[in-house]
Amino acid sequence: MLKRFWSICMVLLFCNVSYASEDLYTTLEKTENWLKRRYEPTSVVYRTRQRQLAKIAEGTASDAEKIAALKKEFPEVFSQSAEPPASKGDKFTVALSNSVKLELVKVEAGTFAMGARDGENNGNEREHSVILTNDFYIGQTEVTQAQYQAVMGNNPSGFKGDDLPVELVSWDDAMAFCTRLNEKGKAPKGWKFTLPTEAQWEYAARGGKKSNDHKYSGSDDVDEVAWYSENADKKTHPVAQKRANELGLYDMSGNVWEWCLDLYEVSYAHDPEFLTDNKGSYRVNRGGSWYYLAKFCRSAVRDCDVPGFRDDDVGFRVVLVPIR
């Protein structure tokens, strides 16, 4: 297939082609060069994205339609900011006010076993391979009450404390927080704040490329990483008090449930990185909480509620993703 793809490119380069064809060749070349820089040539992600590129190149669509398809399938290539500026190592910091900051951690794209068997899996935790093709940044902690107050101007939480996770927030409230961040210009050009998809959330909870395949986020011992019904004393706790996982993320097991972008489906979302073609009225939440037993704090656990649902053990964390 790739040989046929490059044959097309050679024809476009050396034959008497129109301006539109020359533009198509440039676009194909730009995309291919980006793939070579971005991924290891032997990786599953590289081969998958190469197949996507070849499929578009070999299609019967017009040049203009192929260019549009390339820009839709590979938005990172054409973004004016392919990496968030002012990042420090694997972290990205957003100033929400003079004294309140939001720290995000970079998660490199990769492949993982979503819903991996851990001995306690429920019927809706089907193990399957998922490929994430875009890097993203995810909140190092759940959004705190101080962060929510700085952005939204109010604090709906039942348990009060600046460093406690915000709760009593619905999915709609969480999305409004993300929208406000974008409106305030806090996202770098070519990127946006939103909620993590369920696949992004689980991949990050499991430690991404650094994963050690723990049952909970960062450990097989729930007490090391989570506030749950047996140790939480019936309340939330300040974020980042327990041990972080392999990526340096805190409280992805326990403390509060975390809203995800996806509409809930028993068979998982159709697109692990973007909200497309999902059906249903419930939104996914993940991670367990201070109110729940340890088995509900596993990285594979899936739950859901209606978008307007609020409770004192439900919060969220944000992600920064390329605009598609």
Protein backbone atom coordinates (compact mmCIF):
# COMPACT_ATOMS: atom_id res chain seq x y z
CA MET A 1 0.00 0.00 0.00
CA LEU A 2 2.78 2.44 0.88
CA LYS A 3 4.53 1.70 -2.43
CA ARG A 4 1.36 2.71 -4.25
CA PHE A 5 1.16 5.85 -2.12
CA TRP A 6 4.68 6.91 -3.05
CA SER A 7 4.00 6.10 -6.71
CA ILE A 8 1.18 8.64 -6.57
CA CYS A 9 3.52 11.18 -5.04
CA MET A 10 6.13 10.63 -7.77
CA VAL A 11 3.52 11.05 -10.49
CA LEU A 12 2.35 14.28 -8.93
CA LEU A 13 5.91 15.53 -8.71
CA PHE A 14 7.21 14.74 -12.18
CA CYS A 15 4.18 14.87 -14.44
CA ASN A 16 2.59 17.98 -15.93
CA VAL A 17 0.23 18.62 -13.01
CA SER A 18 -2.07 21.49 -12.16
CA TYR A 19 -1.45 23.95 -9.34
CA ALA A 20 -3.97 22.05 -7.21
CA SER A 21 -2.01 18.79 -7.75
CA GLU A 22 1.25 20.47 -6.78
CA ASP A 23 -0.47 21.70 -3.62
CA LEU A 24 -1.68 18.16 -2.90
CA TYR A 25 1.83 16.78 -3.26
CA THR A 26 3.17 19.44 -0.87
CA THR A 27 0.46 18.58 1.62
CA LEU A 28 1.18 14.84 1.38
CA GLU A 29 4.91 15.43 1.75
CA LYS A 30 4.41 17.71 4.73
CA THR A 31 2.25 15.11 6.43
CA GLU A 32 4.67 12.26 5.74
CA ASN A 33 7.63 14.27 7.06
CA TRP A 34 5.70 15.11 10.22
CA LEU A 35 4.89 11.43 10.79
CA LYS A 36 8.58 10.51 10.48
CA ARG A 37 9.56 13.16 13.01
CA ARG A 38 6.68 12.44 15.36
CA TYR A 39 6.66 8.62 15.66
CA GLU A 40 9.10 5.75 15.75
CA PRO A 41 8.91 4.13 12.26
CA THR A 42 8.53 0.68 13.84
CA SER A 43 5.69 1.68 16.16
CA VAL A 44 2.07 0.58 15.78
CA VAL A 45 0.91 4.20 15.85
CA TYR A 46 3.25 5.14 12.97
CA ARG A 47 2.02 2.27 10.80
CA THR A 48 -1.60 3.05 11.60
CA ARG A 49 -1.26 6.70 10.66
CA GLN A 50 0.67 5.78 7.52
CA ARG A 51 -2.28 3.62 6.45
CA GLN A 52 -4.61 6.55 7.06
CA LEU A 53 -2.40 8.76 4.90
CA ALA A 54 -2.18 6.18 2.11
CA LYS A 55 -5.95 5.66 2.11
CA ILE A 56 -6.54 9.37 1.50
CA ALA A 57 -3.79 9.61 -1.13
CA GLU A 58 -5.12 6.63 -3.11
CA GLY A 59 -8.76 7.69 -2.98
CA THR A 60 -10.82 8.84 -5.93
CA ALA A 61 -11.66 12.23 -4.44
CA SER A 62 -10.52 15.48 -6.02
CA ASP A 63 -7.25 17.11 -4.97
CA ALA A 64 -9.10 19.74 -2.96
CA GLU A 65 -11.14 17.05 -1.20
CA LYS A 66 -7.99 15.07 -0.39
CA ILE A 67 -6.32 18.15 1.07
CA ALA A 68 -9.39 18.79 3.24
CA ALA A 69 -9.37 15.15 4.35
CA LEU A 70 -5.68 15.35 5.28
CA LYS A 71 -6.24 18.48 7.35
CA LYS A 72 -9.14 16.83 9.15
CA GLU A 73 -7.31 13.53 9.79
CA PHE A 74 -3.96 15.12 10.73
CA PRO A 75 -4.83 18.45 12.42
CA GLU A 76 -1.54 18.51 14.33
CA VAL A 77 0.42 18.86 11.07
CA PHE A 78 -1.37 22.04 10.05
CA SER A 79 -1.77 23.66 13.46
CA GLN A 80 0.25 26.84 13.81
CA SER A 81 1.25 25.59 17.25
CA ALA A 82 1.95 21.87 17.20
CA GLU A 83 3.35 22.01 20.73
CA PRO A 84 2.05 24.27 23.51
CA PRO A 85 4.46 27.19 23.95
CA ALA A 86 6.11 28.06 27.25
CA SER A 87 6.01 24.46 28.41
CA LYS A 88 8.65 23.35 30.88
CA GLY A 89 9.72 19.81 30.22
CA ASP A 90 6.68 17.59 30.40
CA LYS A 91 4.51 20.16 32.18
CA PHE A 92 2.42 23.10 31.06
CA THR A 93 1.38 25.79 33.53
CA VAL A 94 -1.63 28.09 33.20
CA ALA A 95 -2.00 31.17 35.42
CA LEU A 96 -5.63 31.46 36.48
CA SER A 97 -5.06 34.43 38.78
CA ASN A 98 -2.14 36.09 40.55
CA SER A 99 -1.96 33.26 43.08
CA VAL A 100 -3.73 30.30 41.43
CA LYS A 101 -2.20 28.12 38.74
CA LEU A 102 -3.28 25.07 36.80
CA GLU A 103 -0.57 22.44 36.20
CA LEU A 104 -0.90 19.98 33.33
CA VAL A 105 1.29 16.99 32.51
CA LYS A 106 2.17 15.85 28.99
CA VAL A 107 0.90 12.43 27.95
CA GLU A 108 2.62 11.01 24.88
CA ALA A 109 0.50 9.21 22.29
CA GLY A 110 0.58 5.44 22.31
CA THR A 111 -1.27 2.13 22.41
CA PHE A 112 -2.74 0.45 25.49
CA ALA A 113 -5.09 -2.28 26.63
CA MET A 114 -8.22 -0.43 27.70
CA GLY A 115 -10.35 -2.30 30.21
CA ALA A 116 -7.43 -4.65 30.94
CA ARG A 117 -8.33 -7.63 33.11
CA ASP A 118 -7.42 -7.09 36.76
CA GLY A 119 -9.38 -9.85 38.50
CA GLU A 120 -12.40 -7.72 39.41
CA ASN A 121 -13.66 -6.54 36.05
CA ASN A 122 -17.32 -5.79 35.51
CA GLY A 123 -19.31 -6.71 32.42
CA ASN A 124 -18.81 -3.31 30.79
CA GLU A 125 -15.01 -3.44 31.14
CA ARG A 126 -14.15 -5.26 27.94
CA GLU A 127 -10.42 -5.46 27.27
CA HIS A 128 -9.47 -4.12 23.85
CA SER A 129 -6.53 -2.37 22.22
CA VAL A 130 -6.78 1.41 21.76
CA ILE A 131 -4.46 3.62 19.74
CA LEU A 132 -4.18 7.28 20.74
CA THR A 133 -2.51 9.21 17.95
CA ASN A 134 -2.24 12.66 19.55
CA ASP A 135 -0.20 13.83 22.53
CA PHE A 136 -2.26 15.70 25.09
CA TYR A 137 -1.82 17.46 28.42
CA ILE A 138 -3.93 16.49 31.44
CA GLY A 139 -4.44 18.18 34.80
CA GLN A 140 -1.92 16.98 37.36
CA THR A 141 -4.74 17.02 39.90
CA GLU A 142 -8.48 17.20 39.94
CA VAL A 143 -9.66 20.79 39.54
CA THR A 144 -9.53 22.34 42.99
CA GLN A 145 -12.00 24.74 44.56
CA ALA A 146 -9.47 27.58 44.33
CA GLN A 147 -9.02 26.91 40.59
CA TYR A 148 -12.75 26.70 39.98
CA GLN A 149 -13.35 29.92 41.93
CA ALA A 150 -10.64 31.72 39.96
CA VAL A 151 -12.24 30.80 36.63
CA MET A 152 -15.97 30.65 37.38
CA GLY A 153 -16.29 33.11 40.26
CA ASN A 154 -18.15 30.69 42.54
CA ASN A 155 -17.62 27.52 44.55
CA PRO A 156 -20.52 25.04 44.67
CA SER A 157 -18.70 22.43 46.79
CA GLY A 158 -20.16 20.83 49.89
CA PHE A 159 -16.78 20.20 51.53
CA LYS A 160 -15.03 23.58 51.63
CA GLY A 161 -11.29 24.13 51.17
CA ASP A 162 -9.12 25.75 48.50
CA ASP A 163 -7.04 22.61 47.97
CA LEU A 164 -9.96 20.21 48.04
CA PRO A 165 -11.32 19.01 44.69
CA VAL A 166 -14.34 20.95 43.52
CA GLU A 167 -17.50 18.81 43.68
CA LEU A 168 -21.24 19.20 43.28
CA VAL A 169 -20.42 20.05 39.66
CA SER A 170 -22.31 18.55 36.73
CA TRP A 171 -20.87 17.56 33.37
CA ASP A 172 -22.36 20.79 32.04
CA ASP A 173 -20.56 22.77 34.76
CA ALA A 174 -17.26 21.05 33.95
CA MET A 175 -17.62 21.84 30.25
CA ALA A 176 -18.50 25.45 31.08
CA PHE A 177 -15.23 25.67 33.04
CA CYS A 178 -13.32 24.46 29.97
CA THR A 179 -15.18 26.87 27.70
CA ARG A 180 -14.36 29.76 30.02
CA LEU A 181 -10.65 28.85 29.95
CA ASN A 182 -10.74 28.90 26.15
CA GLU A 183 -12.64 32.19 26.06
CA LYS A 184 -10.08 33.75 28.39
CA GLY A 185 -7.32 32.81 25.94
CA LYS A 186 -5.65 30.36 28.31
CA ALA A 187 -5.18 27.72 25.61
CA PRO A 188 -2.22 28.04 23.21
CA LYS A 189 -3.08 28.69 19.57
CA GLY A 190 -4.20 25.51 17.86
CA TRP A 191 -5.19 23.87 21.17
CA LYS A 192 -8.24 23.85 23.44
CA PHE A 193 -9.25 22.89 26.95
CA THR A 194 -11.90 20.23 27.35
CA LEU A 195 -12.66 17.11 29.36
CA PRO A 196 -10.64 13.97 28.64
CA THR A 197 -12.27 11.29 26.55
CA GLU A 198 -12.73 8.05 28.46
CA ALA A 199 -9.79 6.50 26.59
CA GLN A 200 -7.51 9.47 27.30
CA TRP A 201 -8.51 9.33 30.96
CA GLU A 202 -7.79 5.61 31.36
CA TYR A 203 -4.54 5.80 29.38
CA ALA A 204 -3.32 8.61 31.65
CA ALA A 205 -4.55 6.81 34.79
CA ARG A 206 -2.58 3.72 33.78
CA GLY A 207 0.59 5.77 33.33
CA GLY A 208 0.67 6.12 29.54
CA LYS A 209 3.91 4.86 28.00
CA LYS A 210 5.42 4.61 31.50
CA SER A 211 2.72 2.26 32.76
CA ASN A 212 3.58 -0.54 35.20
CA ASP A 213 0.15 -2.15 34.70
CA HIS A 214 -1.15 -1.48 38.20
CA LYS A 215 -4.73 -2.22 39.22
CA TYR A 216 -5.17 1.30 40.61
CA SER A 217 -3.63 4.48 39.24
CA GLY A 218 -0.01 4.17 40.32
CA SER A 219 -0.12 1.13 42.60
CA ASP A 220 -1.63 -2.27 43.33
CA ASP A 221 -2.14 -1.06 46.92
CA VAL A 222 -5.17 1.20 46.94
CA ASP A 223 -4.18 2.89 50.22
CA GLU A 224 -1.02 4.27 48.61
CA VAL A 225 -2.86 6.21 45.92
CA ALA A 226 -6.53 6.69 46.79
CA TRP A 227 -8.96 8.19 49.24
CA TYR A 228 -11.85 5.72 49.36
CA SER A 229 -14.52 4.49 51.77
CA GLU A 230 -12.10 2.69 54.10
CA ASN A 231 -9.69 5.57 54.72
CA ALA A 232 -11.39 8.83 53.71
CA ASP A 233 -13.45 9.45 56.88
CA LYS A 234 -16.52 10.25 54.74
CA LYS A 235 -15.10 13.34 53.06
CA THR A 236 -12.84 14.62 50.29
CA HIS A 237 -9.17 15.36 50.95
CA PRO A 238 -6.70 17.93 49.60
CA VAL A 239 -5.37 16.93 46.20
CA ALA A 240 -1.89 15.44 45.75
CA GLN A 241 -1.64 13.97 49.25
CA LYS A 242 -1.40 10.37 48.09
CA ARG A 243 1.32 8.93 45.83
CA ALA A 244 1.33 10.00 42.17
CA ASN A 245 1.16 7.52 39.31
CA GLU A 246 3.91 6.91 36.75
CA LEU A 247 3.15 10.20 34.94
CA GLY A 248 3.05 12.28 38.12
CA LEU A 249 -0.76 12.46 38.21
CA TYR A 250 -2.59 12.47 41.55
CA ASP A 251 -5.94 11.11 42.72
CA MET A 252 -6.98 9.41 39.52
CA SER A 253 -8.10 6.65 41.85
CA GLY A 254 -10.46 7.86 44.56
CA ASN A 255 -11.21 11.25 46.14
CA VAL A 256 -13.90 12.25 43.59
CA TRP A 257 -15.31 10.69 40.44
CA GLU A 258 -14.14 12.56 37.33
CA TRP A 259 -16.35 13.51 34.39
CA CYS A 260 -15.19 12.47 30.90
CA LEU A 261 -16.21 13.90 27.54
CA ASP A 262 -17.86 10.78 26.14
CA LEU A 263 -21.45 9.75 26.01
CA TYR A 264 -21.59 6.41 27.79
CA GLU A 265 -21.82 3.27 25.69
CA VAL A 266 -21.45 -0.28 27.01
CA SER A 267 -19.16 -1.10 24.08
CA TYR A 268 -17.05 2.07 24.59
CA ALA A 269 -16.88 5.17 22.35
CA HIS A 270 -16.41 4.82 18.60
CA ASP A 271 -13.56 7.34 18.53
CA PRO A 272 -11.17 7.28 21.52
CA GLU A 273 -9.91 10.83 20.94
CA PHE A 274 -12.89 12.83 19.72
CA LEU A 275 -16.61 12.85 20.45
CA THR A 276 -18.12 11.40 17.27
CA ASP A 277 -21.12 9.18 16.51
CA ASN A 278 -21.83 8.41 20.16
CA LYS A 279 -25.40 7.67 21.18
CA GLY A 280 -27.05 7.91 24.57
CA SER A 281 -27.99 10.38 27.27
CA TYR A 282 -25.41 9.52 29.96
CA ARG A 283 -21.89 10.89 30.32
CA VAL A 284 -18.95 8.83 31.53
CA ASN A 285 -17.30 9.36 34.91
CA ARG A 286 -14.22 7.55 36.14
CA GLY A 287 -11.93 6.79 39.08
CA GLY A 288 -14.13 6.11 42.10
CA SER A 289 -14.38 8.39 45.13
CA TRP A 290 -14.15 8.79 48.89
CA TYR A 291 -17.60 7.22 49.21
CA TYR A 292 -16.89 4.01 47.27
CA LEU A 293 -15.12 0.70 47.97
CA ALA A 294 -11.65 0.02 46.58
CA LYS A 295 -12.96 -2.09 43.70
CA PHE A 296 -14.60 1.01 42.26
CA CYS A 297 -11.28 2.90 42.25
CA ARG A 298 -9.63 0.57 39.74
CA SER A 299 -8.33 2.14 36.52
CA ALA A 300 -10.73 0.02 34.44
CA VAL A 301 -13.93 0.96 36.28
CA ARG A 302 -16.60 2.73 34.27
CA ASP A 303 -19.62 4.64 35.56
CA CYS A 304 -21.99 7.25 34.15
CA ASP A 305 -24.62 9.83 35.03
CA VAL A 306 -26.86 12.30 33.22
CA PRO A 307 -25.06 15.56 32.28
CA GLY A 308 -26.94 17.57 34.90
CA PHE A 309 -26.12 15.22 37.80
CA ARG A 310 -24.34 16.71 40.84
CA ASP A 311 -23.03 15.04 43.98
CA ASP A 312 -20.44 15.73 46.66
CA ASP A 313 -18.17 12.97 45.33
CA VAL A 314 -18.14 14.01 41.66
CA GLY A 315 -15.59 16.44 40.18
CA PHE A 316 -13.33 16.59 37.11
CA ARG A 317 -9.91 17.32 35.65
CA VAL A 318 -9.19 19.01 32.33
CA VAL A 319 -7.13 18.19 29.26
CA LEU A 320 -5.44 20.34 26.64
CA VAL A 321 -5.76 18.83 23.18
CA PRO A 322 -5.04 19.86 19.57
CA ILE A 323 -8.02 21.37 17.79
CA ARG A 324 -9.34 19.03 15.15
